[in-house]
């Protein structure tokens, strides 16, 4: 045993000499210094990302957090890869062949996961361009609802019925964002029978509009106003009202207008048209034939 350790320290056949051992220890030391340096660079890069993102608008906190996480992940994985390449080169591993192999593997993965890559890149640009944010009311890929979450690969929206849609970011070709509009139009139609006085009905609706403007002045941006006769339908004369409200208030405003129209017409004695059916029984028809 003593002869073995003496041979190990003085250099013998099949064991490392002091020079080789010192070389490996130096390489390990260099690798540790590279790792420490990269950790410092990663920390500085993440700090820069936070300051850069926080210089933007203070709203849409969820969107900013998602963007920060995305940029931090890209930065970390890129620097991790650079660190591994540097350490391999320190230990004499052929980096050129390694990069070539990584390029071939990346190309194969890219062909096999084109859809995934497309989704991630699309999600990145959605966040960068601020197309929409969490809480916005949007129409995406034929689905309408409120944005619940913007992820790296998918966007989740919830419609007014509570149904959840998970939409891959790569399928988002066109976005209609209603929340960024200054106001939203509300259209309400009411049909009165042909027997009613159209001029009187319009005059009463204009009086009602003045009351509603005062009742809902906190959400209305303009109107409501009576546009006039919109159509002559099978059941009666169609009158149209229009108003403009703040985003996300249009549905409540429409319901309020319909309720107030019904109540006001009941007060002033104006009827609202509805379909009528006339039923004729066979007994009545037979009696008419017998009398004839």
Protein backbone atom coordinates (compact mmCIF):
# COMPACT_ATOMS: atom_id res chain seq x y z
CA UNK A 1 0.00 0.00 0.00
CA UNK A 2 2.84 2.39 0.85
CA UNK A 3 4.52 1.56 -2.44
CA UNK A 4 1.27 2.34 -4.29
CA UNK A 5 0.89 5.82 -2.81
CA UNK A 6 4.59 6.51 -3.30
CA UNK A 7 4.19 5.58 -6.95
CA UNK A 8 1.05 7.70 -7.28
CA UNK A 9 2.84 10.79 -5.93
CA UNK A 10 6.14 10.32 -7.76
CA UNK A 11 4.59 9.28 -11.03
CA UNK A 12 4.51 5.71 -12.19
CA UNK A 13 3.07 3.63 -14.95
CA UNK A 14 -0.78 3.96 -15.09
CA UNK A 15 -1.08 6.77 -12.52
CA UNK A 16 -1.14 10.53 -12.76
CA UNK A 17 2.02 12.50 -12.16
CA UNK A 18 2.16 15.79 -10.24
CA UNK A 19 2.12 17.70 -13.52
CA UNK A 20 -0.97 16.00 -14.89
CA UNK A 21 -2.77 16.28 -11.55
CA UNK A 22 -1.86 19.97 -11.32
CA UNK A 23 -3.16 20.51 -14.85
CA UNK A 24 -6.52 18.97 -14.00
CA UNK A 25 -6.79 20.96 -10.79
CA UNK A 26 -6.08 24.14 -12.76
CA UNK A 27 -8.78 23.26 -15.27
CA UNK A 28 -11.25 22.64 -12.46
CA UNK A 29 -10.32 25.99 -10.95
CA UNK A 30 -10.84 27.73 -14.32
CA UNK A 31 -14.22 26.01 -14.68
CA UNK A 32 -15.31 27.17 -11.23
CA UNK A 33 -14.27 30.73 -12.09
CA UNK A 34 -16.25 30.54 -15.35
CA UNK A 35 -19.36 29.33 -13.49
CA UNK A 36 -19.04 32.14 -10.91
CA UNK A 37 -18.58 34.71 -13.67
CA UNK A 38 -21.61 33.43 -15.59
CA UNK A 39 -23.77 33.54 -12.46
CA UNK A 40 -22.78 37.18 -11.99
CA UNK A 41 -23.58 37.92 -15.64
CA UNK A 42 -26.97 36.16 -15.35
CA UNK A 43 -27.83 38.18 -12.25
CA UNK A 44 -26.87 41.45 -13.94
CA UNK A 45 -28.81 40.50 -17.08
CA UNK A 46 -31.96 39.66 -15.08
CA UNK A 47 -31.64 42.93 -13.17
CA UNK A 48 -31.38 44.81 -16.46
CA UNK A 49 -34.46 42.99 -17.81
CA UNK A 50 -36.48 43.98 -14.72
CA UNK A 51 -35.46 47.64 -15.02
CA UNK A 52 -36.12 47.68 -18.77
CA UNK A 53 -39.60 46.13 -18.49
CA UNK A 54 -40.56 48.25 -15.46
CA UNK A 55 -39.91 51.42 -17.46
CA UNK A 56 -43.09 50.71 -19.43
CA UNK A 57 -46.68 51.26 -18.42
CA UNK A 58 -47.67 50.27 -14.91
CA UNK A 59 -50.90 48.54 -15.97
CA UNK A 60 -51.11 44.93 -17.15
CA UNK A 61 -48.93 43.58 -14.33
CA UNK A 62 -49.58 39.98 -15.36
CA UNK A 63 -48.35 40.67 -18.91
CA UNK A 64 -45.17 42.32 -17.62
CA UNK A 65 -44.44 39.40 -15.30
CA UNK A 66 -44.90 36.92 -18.13
CA UNK A 67 -42.58 38.91 -20.38
CA UNK A 68 -39.94 39.13 -17.64
CA UNK A 69 -40.07 35.36 -17.07
CA UNK A 70 -39.76 34.70 -20.79
CA UNK A 71 -36.73 36.97 -21.25
CA UNK A 72 -35.07 35.63 -18.10
CA UNK A 73 -35.51 32.03 -19.30
CA UNK A 74 -34.05 32.79 -22.72
CA UNK A 75 -31.10 34.62 -21.14
CA UNK A 76 -30.36 31.89 -18.59
CA UNK A 77 -30.49 28.99 -21.03
CA UNK A 78 -28.33 30.85 -23.54
CA UNK A 79 -25.66 31.60 -20.92
CA UNK A 80 -25.88 28.07 -19.54
CA UNK A 81 -25.13 26.73 -23.01
CA UNK A 82 -22.19 29.14 -23.42
CA UNK A 83 -20.86 28.08 -20.00
CA UNK A 84 -20.98 24.39 -20.90
CA UNK A 85 -19.16 25.05 -24.20
CA UNK A 86 -16.42 27.02 -22.41
CA UNK A 87 -15.94 24.32 -19.76
CA UNK A 88 -15.75 21.60 -22.42
CA UNK A 89 -13.12 23.61 -24.28
CA UNK A 90 -11.11 24.00 -21.05
CA UNK A 91 -11.01 20.21 -20.64
CA UNK A 92 -10.05 19.72 -24.27
CA UNK A 93 -13.36 18.39 -25.55
CA UNK A 94 -13.68 19.10 -29.31
CA UNK A 95 -16.19 21.95 -29.24
CA UNK A 96 -16.54 22.15 -33.03
CA UNK A 97 -17.91 18.62 -33.32
CA UNK A 98 -20.12 19.25 -30.30
CA UNK A 99 -21.61 22.35 -31.91
CA UNK A 100 -22.09 20.49 -35.16
CA UNK A 101 -23.92 17.71 -33.33
CA UNK A 102 -26.01 20.23 -31.43
CA UNK A 103 -26.87 21.95 -34.73
CA UNK A 104 -28.02 18.69 -36.30
CA UNK A 105 -30.04 17.80 -33.19
CA UNK A 106 -31.57 21.27 -33.07
CA UNK A 107 -32.49 21.01 -36.76
CA UNK A 108 -34.17 17.65 -36.20
CA UNK A 109 -36.06 18.95 -33.16
CA UNK A 110 -37.02 22.05 -35.11
CA UNK A 111 -38.57 20.01 -37.93
CA UNK A 112 -40.37 17.81 -35.43
CA UNK A 113 -41.68 20.66 -33.30
CA UNK A 114 -42.39 23.42 -35.81
CA UNK A 115 -45.84 24.05 -34.35
CA UNK A 116 -44.46 24.37 -30.83
CA UNK A 117 -41.78 26.80 -31.97
CA UNK A 118 -44.39 28.82 -33.89
CA UNK A 119 -46.61 29.03 -30.80
CA UNK A 120 -43.75 30.20 -28.57
CA UNK A 121 -42.52 32.83 -31.05
CA UNK A 122 -46.06 34.11 -31.61
CA UNK A 123 -46.57 34.36 -27.85
CA UNK A 124 -43.36 36.34 -27.51
CA UNK A 125 -44.47 38.90 -30.12
CA UNK A 126 -47.95 39.13 -28.58
CA UNK A 127 -46.32 40.18 -25.31
CA UNK A 128 -43.77 42.45 -26.93
CA UNK A 129 -46.32 44.28 -29.10
CA UNK A 130 -48.89 44.50 -26.28
CA UNK A 131 -51.67 43.25 -28.55
CA UNK A 132 -53.81 42.37 -25.55
CA UNK A 133 -53.38 41.72 -21.84
CA UNK A 134 -54.99 39.80 -19.01
CA UNK A 135 -58.47 41.20 -18.31
CA UNK A 136 -59.05 42.52 -21.86
CA UNK A 137 -62.27 41.62 -23.70
CA UNK A 138 -61.15 40.25 -27.07
CA UNK A 139 -62.16 38.21 -30.08
CA UNK A 140 -59.46 35.67 -31.01
CA UNK A 141 -59.64 32.80 -33.52
CA UNK A 142 -63.43 33.10 -33.66
CA UNK A 143 -63.79 33.01 -29.86
CA UNK A 144 -64.92 35.98 -27.79
CA UNK A 145 -64.22 36.45 -24.10
CA UNK A 146 -62.01 37.89 -21.38
CA UNK A 147 -58.31 37.03 -21.40
CA UNK A 148 -57.48 34.91 -18.35
CA UNK A 149 -53.85 34.06 -19.03
CA UNK A 150 -51.15 34.67 -21.64
CA UNK A 151 -48.63 31.85 -21.67
CA UNK A 152 -45.53 31.04 -23.69
CA UNK A 153 -47.47 28.63 -25.90
CA UNK A 154 -51.18 29.31 -25.38
CA UNK A 155 -53.65 32.05 -24.53
CA UNK A 156 -56.64 31.29 -22.30
CA UNK A 157 -59.89 33.24 -22.59
CA UNK A 158 -63.23 32.85 -20.81
CA UNK A 159 -66.53 33.79 -22.44
CA UNK A 160 -69.54 35.29 -20.70
CA UNK A 161 -71.01 31.80 -20.13
CA UNK A 162 -67.91 30.78 -18.17
CA UNK A 163 -66.52 28.46 -20.86
CA UNK A 164 -62.73 28.35 -21.09
CA UNK A 165 -60.94 28.38 -24.45
CA UNK A 166 -57.26 27.43 -24.71
CA UNK A 167 -55.94 28.87 -27.99
CA UNK A 168 -52.43 28.09 -29.29
CA UNK A 169 -50.60 31.37 -29.93
CA UNK A 170 -49.65 30.19 -33.41
CA UNK A 171 -53.34 30.20 -34.41
CA UNK A 172 -53.83 33.85 -33.44
CA UNK A 173 -53.87 35.62 -36.80
CA UNK A 174 -56.23 38.49 -36.00
CA UNK A 175 -57.19 40.09 -32.69
CA UNK A 176 -60.13 42.37 -31.95
CA UNK A 177 -59.50 44.06 -28.61
CA UNK A 178 -62.63 45.80 -27.35
CA UNK A 179 -61.02 46.95 -24.10
CA UNK A 180 -58.68 49.42 -25.77
CA UNK A 181 -61.57 51.27 -27.42
CA UNK A 182 -62.68 54.55 -25.89
CA UNK A 183 -66.32 53.49 -25.98
CA UNK A 184 -68.62 50.72 -27.26
CA UNK A 185 -71.84 51.16 -29.21
CA UNK A 186 -75.14 49.87 -27.83
CA UNK A 187 -78.08 49.34 -30.21
CA UNK A 188 -81.62 48.64 -28.91
CA UNK A 189 -84.67 48.04 -31.09
CA UNK A 190 -88.28 48.21 -29.92
CA UNK A 191 -91.28 47.27 -32.07
CA UNK A 192 -94.68 48.95 -31.72
CA UNK A 193 -97.91 47.87 -33.49
CA UNK A 194 -98.94 49.64 -36.67
CA UNK A 195 -102.01 50.92 -34.83
CA UNK A 196 -99.86 53.01 -32.47
CA UNK A 197 -98.92 56.63 -33.24
CA UNK A 198 -95.27 56.46 -34.38
CA UNK A 199 -94.60 60.14 -33.70
CA UNK A 200 -95.91 59.89 -30.14
CA UNK A 201 -93.81 56.76 -29.49
CA UNK A 202 -90.65 58.52 -30.70
CA UNK A 203 -91.42 61.56 -28.54
CA UNK A 204 -91.87 59.36 -25.46
CA UNK A 205 -88.61 57.53 -26.21
CA UNK A 206 -86.76 60.85 -26.42
CA UNK A 207 -88.15 61.81 -22.98
CA UNK A 208 -86.97 58.44 -21.66
CA UNK A 209 -83.50 58.96 -23.15
CA UNK A 210 -83.11 62.17 -21.15
CA UNK A 211 -83.89 60.28 -17.94
CA UNK A 212 -81.51 57.41 -18.78
CA UNK A 213 -78.70 59.86 -19.56
CA UNK A 214 -79.01 61.16 -16.03
CA UNK A 215 -79.37 57.70 -14.49
CA UNK A 216 -76.29 56.20 -16.22
CA UNK A 217 -74.08 59.24 -16.70
CA UNK A 218 -71.20 57.44 -15.00
CA UNK A 219 -70.93 54.78 -17.75
CA UNK A 220 -72.36 56.60 -20.79
CA UNK A 221 -70.06 58.48 -23.14
CA UNK A 222 -72.87 59.63 -25.46
CA UNK A 223 -76.60 59.11 -25.91
CA UNK A 224 -78.87 57.33 -25.69
CA UNK A 225 -80.67 58.87 -28.61
CA UNK A 226 -83.56 57.84 -30.83
CA UNK A 227 -82.44 57.21 -34.40
CA UNK A 228 -85.97 56.80 -35.72
CA UNK A 229 -87.80 54.11 -37.69
CA UNK A 230 -85.39 51.27 -38.43
CA UNK A 231 -87.73 48.79 -40.15
CA UNK A 232 -91.32 47.92 -41.01
CA UNK A 233 -91.60 44.32 -39.90
CA UNK A 234 -94.40 41.76 -40.00
CA UNK A 235 -95.41 42.62 -36.44
CA UNK A 236 -95.02 46.40 -36.42
CA UNK A 237 -92.80 49.47 -36.69
CA UNK A 238 -89.24 48.96 -35.45
CA UNK A 239 -87.73 51.96 -33.63
CA UNK A 240 -84.01 52.08 -32.87
CA UNK A 241 -82.08 53.70 -30.02
CA UNK A 242 -78.30 54.04 -29.85
CA UNK A 243 -75.91 54.82 -27.00
CA UNK A 244 -72.17 54.58 -26.37
CA UNK A 245 -70.72 53.32 -23.10
CA UNK A 246 -67.35 52.63 -21.53
CA UNK A 247 -65.87 49.22 -22.48
CA UNK A 248 -67.42 46.21 -20.72
CA UNK A 249 -70.55 48.20 -19.81
CA UNK A 250 -72.45 47.71 -23.07
CA UNK A 251 -74.38 44.60 -22.00
CA UNK A 252 -75.66 46.14 -18.78
CA UNK A 253 -76.63 49.30 -20.62
CA UNK A 254 -78.61 47.34 -23.20
CA UNK A 255 -80.53 45.46 -20.49
CA UNK A 256 -81.25 48.68 -18.62
CA UNK A 257 -82.58 50.39 -21.74
CA UNK A 258 -84.94 47.52 -22.57
CA UNK A 259 -86.30 47.44 -19.03
CA UNK A 260 -86.84 51.21 -18.93
CA UNK A 261 -88.56 51.18 -22.35
CA UNK A 262 -91.03 48.53 -21.18
CA UNK A 263 -91.75 50.36 -17.94
CA UNK A 264 -92.15 53.74 -19.63
CA UNK A 265 -94.41 52.43 -22.39
CA UNK A 266 -96.61 50.77 -19.75
CA UNK A 267 -96.91 54.11 -17.94
CA UNK A 268 -97.90 56.12 -21.03
CA UNK A 269 -100.09 53.40 -22.55
CA UNK A 270 -98.04 52.51 -25.62
CA UNK A 271 -98.14 48.85 -26.59
CA UNK A 272 -95.16 46.80 -27.67
CA UNK A 273 -95.82 44.59 -30.68
CA UNK A 274 -95.79 40.81 -30.44
CA UNK A 275 -96.83 38.06 -32.90
CA UNK A 276 -100.58 37.29 -33.12
CA UNK A 277 -102.08 33.98 -34.27
CA UNK A 278 -105.64 33.38 -35.40
CA UNK A 279 -106.93 29.83 -34.85
CA UNK A 280 -110.01 28.56 -36.66
CA UNK A 281 -111.64 25.33 -35.43
CA UNK A 282 -113.26 22.73 -37.74
CA UNK A 283 -116.56 22.96 -35.84
CA UNK A 284 -116.87 26.64 -36.66
CA UNK A 285 -116.08 25.99 -40.31
CA UNK A 286 -118.69 23.18 -40.53
CA UNK A 287 -121.33 25.40 -38.86
CA UNK A 288 -120.68 28.16 -41.38
CA UNK A 289 -121.09 25.69 -44.25
CA UNK A 290 -124.35 24.33 -42.82
CA UNK A 291 -125.79 27.84 -42.38
CA UNK A 292 -124.87 28.59 -45.94
